[in-house]
Amino acid sequence: MKQNIVEIRRIEATEAARLTKNMTLDEPGAQTMEFCLLMSTIMWAGFIRGELACIWGVIPPTLMSNQAYAWLNTT
C-alpha cells in the first residue's frame, strides 16, 4: 500500500503530548509548548512521509470568545 506523502489531521491533547515528547526544545520553548498544548481547544498535526513536520492549534482568550490566538511549531 502506498503511503501518503503529506497528511494533515486533527489531534487530541494526549496525542499532541506524545508527538511533542521527543522535540528538542530549550527550557522557555518547552514551557511555551506545554502551555499551548494545555490551553488549545483544537489542534492539528502535519506529517511528511509519516514523520511529524508541524503541529498547530488555537487558544481562545476566554471560553466564550469567538476569536482565538493561533500557534505553530515546526520540526
PDB file of N, CA and C in Angstrom:
ATOM      1  N   MET A   1       0.844  -1.182   0.000  1.00  0.00           N
ATOM      2  CA  MET A   1       0.000   0.000   0.000  1.00  0.00           C
ATOM      3  C   MET A   1       0.887   1.242   0.000  1.00  0.00           C
ATOM      4  N   LYS A   2       0.594   2.167  -0.864  1.00  0.00           N
ATOM      5  CA  LYS A   2       1.363   3.396  -0.977  1.00  0.00           C
ATOM      6  C   LYS A   2       0.991   4.352   0.149  1.00  0.00           C
ATOM      7  N   GLN A   3       2.010   4.863   0.864  1.00  0.00           N
ATOM      8  CA  GLN A   3       1.772   5.802   1.955  1.00  0.00           C
ATOM      9  C   GLN A   3       1.686   7.222   1.403  1.00  0.00           C
ATOM     10  N   ASN A   4       0.734   7.997   1.929  1.00  0.00           N
ATOM     11  CA  ASN A   4       0.617   9.387   1.516  1.00  0.00           C
ATOM     12  C   ASN A   4       1.879  10.143   1.886  1.00  0.00           C
ATOM     13  N   ILE A   5       2.304  11.060   1.042  1.00  0.00           N
ATOM     14  CA  ILE A   5       3.485  11.855   1.324  1.00  0.00           C
ATOM     15  C   ILE A   5       3.168  12.902   2.375  1.00  0.00           C
ATOM     16  N   VAL A   6       2.030  13.588   2.247  1.00  0.00           N
ATOM     17  CA  VAL A   6       1.632  14.629   3.191  1.00  0.00           C
ATOM     18  C   VAL A   6       0.286  14.262   3.802  1.00  0.00           C
ATOM     19  N   GLU A   7       0.211  14.386   5.125  1.00  0.00           N
ATOM     20  CA  GLU A   7      -1.036  14.109   5.837  1.00  0.00           C
ATOM     21  C   GLU A   7      -1.247  15.195   6.889  1.00  0.00           C
ATOM     22  N   ILE A   8      -2.453  15.708   6.965  1.00  0.00           N
ATOM     23  CA  ILE A   8      -2.828  16.680   7.997  1.00  0.00           C
ATOM     24  C   ILE A   8      -4.042  16.105   8.697  1.00  0.00           C
ATOM     25  N   ARG A   9      -3.969  16.039  10.038  1.00  0.00           N
ATOM     26  CA  ARG A   9      -5.115  15.512  10.763  1.00  0.00           C
ATOM     27  C   ARG A   9      -5.293  16.219  12.094  1.00  0.00           C
ATOM     28  N   ARG A  10      -6.544  16.261  12.541  1.00  0.00           N
ATOM     29  CA  ARG A  10      -6.858  16.834  13.841  1.00  0.00           C
ATOM     30  C   ARG A  10      -6.401  15.849  14.912  1.00  0.00           C
ATOM     31  N   ILE A  11      -5.837  16.378  15.997  1.00  0.00           N
ATOM     32  CA  ILE A  11      -5.341  15.520  17.061  1.00  0.00           C
ATOM     33  C   ILE A  11      -5.906  15.949  18.406  1.00  0.00           C
ATOM     34  N   GLU A  12      -5.939  15.025  19.325  1.00  0.00           N
ATOM     35  CA  GLU A  12      -6.376  15.282  20.693  1.00  0.00           C
ATOM     36  C   GLU A  12      -5.145  15.602  21.547  1.00  0.00           C
ATOM     37  N   ALA A  13      -5.381  16.119  22.748  1.00  0.00           N
ATOM     38  CA  ALA A  13      -4.297  16.549  23.635  1.00  0.00           C
ATOM     39  C   ALA A  13      -3.330  15.413  23.974  1.00  0.00           C
ATOM     40  N   THR A  14      -3.836  14.210  24.177  1.00  0.00           N
ATOM     41  CA  THR A  14      -2.949  13.100  24.535  1.00  0.00           C
ATOM     42  C   THR A  14      -2.007  12.749  23.381  1.00  0.00           C
ATOM     43  N   GLU A  15      -2.519  12.778  22.162  1.00  0.00           N
ATOM     44  CA  GLU A  15      -1.661  12.504  21.006  1.00  0.00           C
ATOM     45  C   GLU A  15      -0.663  13.633  20.799  1.00  0.00           C
ATOM     46  N   ALA A  16      -1.099  14.876  21.012  1.00  0.00           N
ATOM     47  CA  ALA A  16      -0.191  16.021  20.875  1.00  0.00           C
ATOM     48  C   ALA A  16       0.956  15.916  21.866  1.00  0.00           C
ATOM     49  N   ALA A  17       0.659  15.553  23.094  1.00  0.00           N
ATOM     50  CA  ALA A  17       1.712  15.399  24.107  1.00  0.00           C
ATOM     51  C   ALA A  17       2.688  14.300  23.705  1.00  0.00           C
ATOM     52  N   ARG A  18       2.169  13.200  23.163  1.00  0.00           N
ATOM     53  CA  ARG A  18       3.039  12.095  22.720  1.00  0.00           C
ATOM     54  C   ARG A  18       3.915  12.529  21.548  1.00  0.00           C
ATOM     55  N   LEU A  19       3.331  13.255  20.592  1.00  0.00           N
ATOM     56  CA  LEU A  19       4.079  13.684  19.416  1.00  0.00           C
ATOM     57  C   LEU A  19       5.182  14.678  19.759  1.00  0.00           C
ATOM     58  N   THR A  20       4.927  15.564  20.710  1.00  0.00           N
ATOM     59  CA  THR A  20       5.903  16.613  21.047  1.00  0.00           C
ATOM     60  C   THR A  20       6.910  16.165  22.100  1.00  0.00           C
ATOM     61  N   LYS A  21       6.711  14.994  22.651  1.00  0.00           N
ATOM     62  CA  LYS A  21       7.593  14.494  23.720  1.00  0.00           C
ATOM     63  C   LYS A  21       9.062  14.456  23.296  1.00  0.00           C
ATOM     64  N   ASN A  22       9.336  14.092  22.063  1.00  0.00           N
ATOM     65  CA  ASN A  22      10.715  13.944  21.592  1.00  0.00           C
ATOM     66  C   ASN A  22      11.272  15.186  20.898  1.00  0.00           C
ATOM     67  N   MET A  23      10.516  16.293  20.911  1.00  0.00           N
ATOM     68  CA  MET A  23      11.021  17.531  20.317  1.00  0.00           C
ATOM     69  C   MET A  23      12.151  18.094  21.175  1.00  0.00           C
ATOM     70  N   THR A  24      13.191  18.588  20.531  1.00  0.00           N
ATOM     71  CA  THR A  24      14.287  19.217  21.235  1.00  0.00           C
ATOM     72  C   THR A  24      13.980  20.701  21.376  1.00  0.00           C
ATOM     73  N   LEU A  25      13.628  21.106  22.602  1.00  0.00           N
ATOM     74  CA  LEU A  25      13.284  22.494  22.873  1.00  0.00           C
ATOM     75  C   LEU A  25      14.091  22.982  24.071  1.00  0.00           C
ATOM     76  N   ASP A  26      14.497  24.262  24.035  1.00  0.00           N
ATOM     77  CA  ASP A  26      15.130  24.831  25.217  1.00  0.00           C
ATOM     78  C   ASP A  26      14.060  25.025  26.290  1.00  0.00           C
ATOM     79  N   GLU A  27      14.457  25.394  27.498  1.00  0.00           N
ATOM     80  CA  GLU A  27      13.515  25.496  28.611  1.00  0.00           C
ATOM     81  C   GLU A  27      12.345  26.451  28.332  1.00  0.00           C
ATOM     82  N   PRO A  28      12.597  27.684  27.849  1.00  0.00           N
ATOM     83  CA  PRO A  28      11.444  28.557  27.542  1.00  0.00           C
ATOM     84  C   PRO A  28      10.549  27.957  26.448  1.00  0.00           C
ATOM     85  N   GLY A  29      11.150  27.336  25.463  1.00  0.00           N
ATOM     86  CA  GLY A  29      10.368  26.718  24.388  1.00  0.00           C
ATOM     87  C   GLY A  29       9.523  25.562  24.883  1.00  0.00           C
ATOM     88  N   ALA A  30      10.071  24.761  25.769  1.00  0.00           N
ATOM     89  CA  ALA A  30       9.334  23.631  26.334  1.00  0.00           C
ATOM     90  C   ALA A  30       8.160  24.122  27.179  1.00  0.00           C
ATOM     91  N   GLN A  31       8.381  25.181  27.932  1.00  0.00           N
ATOM     92  CA  GLN A  31       7.302  25.749  28.749  1.00  0.00           C
ATOM     93  C   GLN A  31       6.196  26.327  27.865  1.00  0.00           C
ATOM     94  N   THR A  32       6.591  26.991  26.802  1.00  0.00           N
ATOM     95  CA  THR A  32       5.613  27.559  25.875  1.00  0.00           C
ATOM     96  C   THR A  32       4.815  26.457  25.199  1.00  0.00           C
ATOM     97  N   MET A  33       5.498  25.387  24.767  1.00  0.00           N
ATOM     98  CA  MET A  33       4.806  24.269  24.122  1.00  0.00           C
ATOM     99  C   MET A  33       3.821  23.624  25.092  1.00  0.00           C
ATOM    100  N   GLU A  34       4.229  23.429  26.327  1.00  0.00           N
ATOM    101  CA  GLU A  34       3.344  22.840  27.332  1.00  0.00           C
ATOM    102  C   GLU A  34       2.101  23.713  27.535  1.00  0.00           C
ATOM    103  N   PHE A  35       2.297  25.034  27.592  1.00  0.00           N
ATOM    104  CA  PHE A  35       1.177  25.965  27.737  1.00  0.00           C
ATOM    105  C   PHE A  35       0.231  25.861  26.542  1.00  0.00           C
ATOM    106  N   CYS A  36       0.787  25.861  25.334  1.00  0.00           N
ATOM    107  CA  CYS A  36      -0.038  25.793  24.124  1.00  0.00           C
ATOM    108  C   CYS A  36      -0.861  24.505  24.088  1.00  0.00           C
ATOM    109  N   LEU A  37      -0.242  23.387  24.448  1.00  0.00           N
ATOM    110  CA  LEU A  37      -0.963  22.116  24.443  1.00  0.00           C
ATOM    111  C   LEU A  37      -2.070  22.107  25.484  1.00  0.00           C
ATOM    112  N   LEU A  38      -1.806  22.701  26.629  1.00  0.00           N
ATOM    113  CA  LEU A  38      -2.775  22.730  27.719  1.00  0.00           C
ATOM    114  C   LEU A  38      -3.971  23.624  27.404  1.00  0.00           C
ATOM    115  N   MET A  39      -3.728  24.778  26.783  1.00  0.00           N
ATOM    116  CA  MET A  39      -4.775  25.776  26.577  1.00  0.00           C
ATOM    117  C   MET A  39      -5.516  25.660  25.241  1.00  0.00           C
ATOM    118  N   SER A  40      -5.005  24.868  24.321  1.00  0.00           N
ATOM    119  CA  SER A  40      -5.623  24.770  22.991  1.00  0.00           C
ATOM    120  C   SER A  40      -6.942  24.018  23.033  1.00  0.00           C
ATOM    121  N   THR A  41      -7.887  24.510  22.280  1.00  0.00           N
ATOM    122  CA  THR A  41      -9.174  23.836  22.161  1.00  0.00           C
ATOM    123  C   THR A  41      -9.202  22.907  20.950  1.00  0.00           C
ATOM    124  N   ILE A  42      -8.438  23.241  19.930  1.00  0.00           N
ATOM    125  CA  ILE A  42      -8.357  22.435  18.712  1.00  0.00           C
ATOM    126  C   ILE A  42      -6.895  22.411  18.268  1.00  0.00           C
ATOM    127  N   MET A  43      -6.404  21.223  17.876  1.00  0.00           N
ATOM    128  CA  MET A  43      -5.024  21.092  17.395  1.00  0.00           C
ATOM    129  C   MET A  43      -4.986  20.202  16.157  1.00  0.00           C
ATOM    130  N   TRP A  44      -4.028  20.475  15.303  1.00  0.00           N
ATOM    131  CA  TRP A  44      -3.774  19.677  14.116  1.00  0.00           C
ATOM    132  C   TRP A  44      -2.288  19.342  14.057  1.00  0.00           C
ATOM    133  N   ALA A  45      -1.971  18.293  13.322  1.00  0.00           N
ATOM    134  CA  ALA A  45      -0.581  17.926  13.091  1.00  0.00           C
ATOM    135  C   ALA A  45      -0.398  17.661  11.601  1.00  0.00           C
ATOM    136  N   GLY A  46       0.760  18.052  11.092  1.00  0.00           N
ATOM    137  CA  GLY A  46       1.115  17.795   9.707  1.00  0.00           C
ATOM    138  C   GLY A  46       2.261  16.811   9.659  1.00  0.00           C
ATOM    139  N   PHE A  47       2.166  15.831   8.786  1.00  0.00           N
ATOM    140  CA  PHE A  47       3.177  14.792   8.663  1.00  0.00           C
ATOM    141  C   PHE A  47       3.671  14.721   7.228  1.00  0.00           C
ATOM    142  N   ILE A  48       4.939  14.435   7.071  1.00  0.00           N
ATOM    143  CA  ILE A  48       5.529  14.185   5.756  1.00  0.00           C
ATOM    144  C   ILE A  48       6.134  12.796   5.812  1.00  0.00           C
ATOM    145  N   ARG A  49       5.625  11.916   4.964  1.00  0.00           N
ATOM    146  CA  ARG A  49       6.043  10.507   4.935  1.00  0.00           C
ATOM    147  C   ARG A  49       5.981   9.876   6.332  1.00  0.00           C
ATOM    148  N   GLY A  50       4.923  10.206   7.077  1.00  0.00           N
ATOM    149  CA  GLY A  50       4.701   9.620   8.388  1.00  0.00           C
ATOM    150  C   GLY A  50       5.466  10.258   9.535  1.00  0.00           C
ATOM    151  N   GLU A  51       6.327  11.235   9.246  1.00  0.00           N
ATOM    152  CA  GLU A  51       7.110  11.909  10.283  1.00  0.00           C
ATOM    153  C   GLU A  51       6.491  13.267  10.595  1.00  0.00           C
ATOM    154  N   LEU A  52       6.438  13.634  11.880  1.00  0.00           N
ATOM    155  CA  LEU A  52       5.870  14.915  12.294  1.00  0.00           C
ATOM    156  C   LEU A  52       6.643  16.066  11.660  1.00  0.00           C
ATOM    157  N   ALA A  53       5.927  16.963  10.996  1.00  0.00           N
ATOM    158  CA  ALA A  53       6.542  18.135  10.379  1.00  0.00           C
ATOM    159  C   ALA A  53       6.141  19.409  11.111  1.00  0.00           C
ATOM    160  N   CYS A  54       4.908  19.441  11.621  1.00  0.00           N
ATOM    161  CA  CYS A  54       4.440  20.616  12.340  1.00  0.00           C
ATOM    162  C   CYS A  54       3.225  20.260  13.176  1.00  0.00           C
ATOM    163  N   ILE A  55       2.982  21.101  14.148  1.00  0.00           N
ATOM    164  CA  ILE A  55       1.807  20.966  14.989  1.00  0.00           C
ATOM    165  C   ILE A  55       1.313  22.374  15.267  1.00  0.00           C
ATOM    166  N   TRP A  56       0.007  22.575  15.196  1.00  0.00           N
ATOM    167  CA  TRP A  56      -0.531  23.905  15.451  1.00  0.00           C
ATOM    168  C   TRP A  56      -1.910  23.795  16.091  1.00  0.00           C
ATOM    169  N   GLY A  57      -2.326  24.921  16.659  1.00  0.00           N
ATOM    170  CA  GLY A  57      -3.623  24.939  17.312  1.00  0.00           C
ATOM    171  C   GLY A  57      -4.107  26.355  17.541  1.00  0.00           C
ATOM    172  N   VAL A  58      -5.224  26.454  18.232  1.00  0.00           N
ATOM    173  CA  VAL A  58      -5.804  27.753  18.557  1.00  0.00           C
ATOM    174  C   VAL A  58      -6.129  27.803  20.044  1.00  0.00           C
ATOM    175  N   ILE A  59      -5.912  28.986  20.624  1.00  0.00           N
ATOM    176  CA  ILE A  59      -6.181  29.214  22.038  1.00  0.00           C
ATOM    177  C   ILE A  59      -7.123  30.407  22.149  1.00  0.00           C
ATOM    178  N   PRO A  60      -8.353  30.194  22.600  1.00  0.00           N
ATOM    179  CA  PRO A  60      -9.268  31.327  22.779  1.00  0.00           C
ATOM    180  C   PRO A  60      -8.878  32.120  24.026  1.00  0.00           C
ATOM    181  N   PRO A  61      -8.993  33.460  23.996  1.00  0.00           N
ATOM    182  CA  PRO A  61      -8.650  34.251  25.176  1.00  0.00           C
ATOM    183  C   PRO A  61      -9.590  33.987  26.350  1.00  0.00           C
ATOM    184  N   THR A  62     -10.831  33.614  26.055  1.00  0.00           N
ATOM    185  CA  THR A  62     -11.798  33.211  27.081  1.00  0.00           C
ATOM    186  C   THR A  62     -12.615  32.060  26.513  1.00  0.00           C
ATOM    187  N   LEU A  63     -13.296  31.337  27.374  1.00  0.00           N
ATOM    188  CA  LEU A  63     -14.103  30.207  26.906  1.00  0.00           C
ATOM    189  C   LEU A  63     -15.262  30.629  26.019  1.00  0.00           C
ATOM    190  N   MET A  64     -15.751  31.832  26.214  1.00  0.00           N
ATOM    191  CA  MET A  64     -16.904  32.307  25.441  1.00  0.00           C
ATOM    192  C   MET A  64     -16.506  33.127  24.207  1.00  0.00           C
ATOM    193  N   SER A  65     -15.217  33.272  23.963  1.00  0.00           N
ATOM    194  CA  SER A  65     -14.749  34.121  22.869  1.00  0.00           C
ATOM    195  C   SER A  65     -15.013  33.479  21.506  1.00  0.00           C
ATOM    196  N   ASN A  66     -15.262  34.327  20.507  1.00  0.00           N
ATOM    197  CA  ASN A  66     -15.383  33.853  19.133  1.00  0.00           C
ATOM    198  C   ASN A  66     -14.113  34.166  18.341  1.00  0.00           C
ATOM    199  N   GLN A  67     -13.037  34.513  19.053  1.00  0.00           N
ATOM    200  CA  GLN A  67     -11.734  34.749  18.451  1.00  0.00           C
ATOM    201  C   GLN A  67     -10.728  33.815  19.125  1.00  0.00           C
ATOM    202  N   ALA A  68      -9.547  33.674  18.515  1.00  0.00           N
ATOM    203  CA  ALA A  68      -8.533  32.804  19.107  1.00  0.00           C
ATOM    204  C   ALA A  68      -7.144  33.232  18.648  1.00  0.00           C
ATOM    205  N   TYR A  69      -6.162  32.858  19.441  1.00  0.00           N
ATOM    206  CA  TYR A  69      -4.753  33.051  19.085  1.00  0.00           C
ATOM    207  C   TYR A  69      -4.261  31.758  18.435  1.00  0.00           C
ATOM    208  N   ALA A  70      -3.594  31.886  17.325  1.00  0.00           N
ATOM    209  CA  ALA A  70      -3.045  30.710  16.635  1.00  0.00           C
ATOM    210  C   ALA A  70      -1.584  30.542  17.022  1.00  0.00           C
ATOM    211  N   TRP A  71      -1.147  29.294  17.126  1.00  0.00           N
ATOM    212  CA  TRP A  71       0.263  28.994  17.397  1.00  0.00           C
ATOM    213  C   TRP A  71       0.702  27.870  16.462  1.00  0.00           C
ATOM    214  N   LEU A  72       1.998  27.806  16.203  1.00  0.00           N
ATOM    215  CA  LEU A  72       2.565  26.820  15.281  1.00  0.00           C
ATOM    216  C   LEU A  72       3.959  26.456  15.751  1.00  0.00           C
ATOM    217  N   ASN A  73       4.288  25.173  15.702  1.00  0.00           N
ATOM    218  CA  ASN A  73       5.638  24.716  15.963  1.00  0.00           C
ATOM    219  C   ASN A  73       6.028  23.756  14.839  1.00  0.00           C
ATOM    220  N   THR A  74       7.165  24.020  14.220  1.00  0.00           N
ATOM    221  CA  THR A  74       7.648  23.181  13.140  1.00  0.00           C
ATOM    222  C   THR A  74       8.870  22.398  13.578  1.00  0.00           C
ATOM    223  N   THR A  75       9.088  21.267  12.954  1.00  0.00           N
ATOM    224  CA  THR A  75      10.261  20.457  13.280  1.00  0.00           C
ATOM    225  C   THR A  75      11.346  20.685  12.264  1.00  0.00           C
TER     226      THR A  75
END
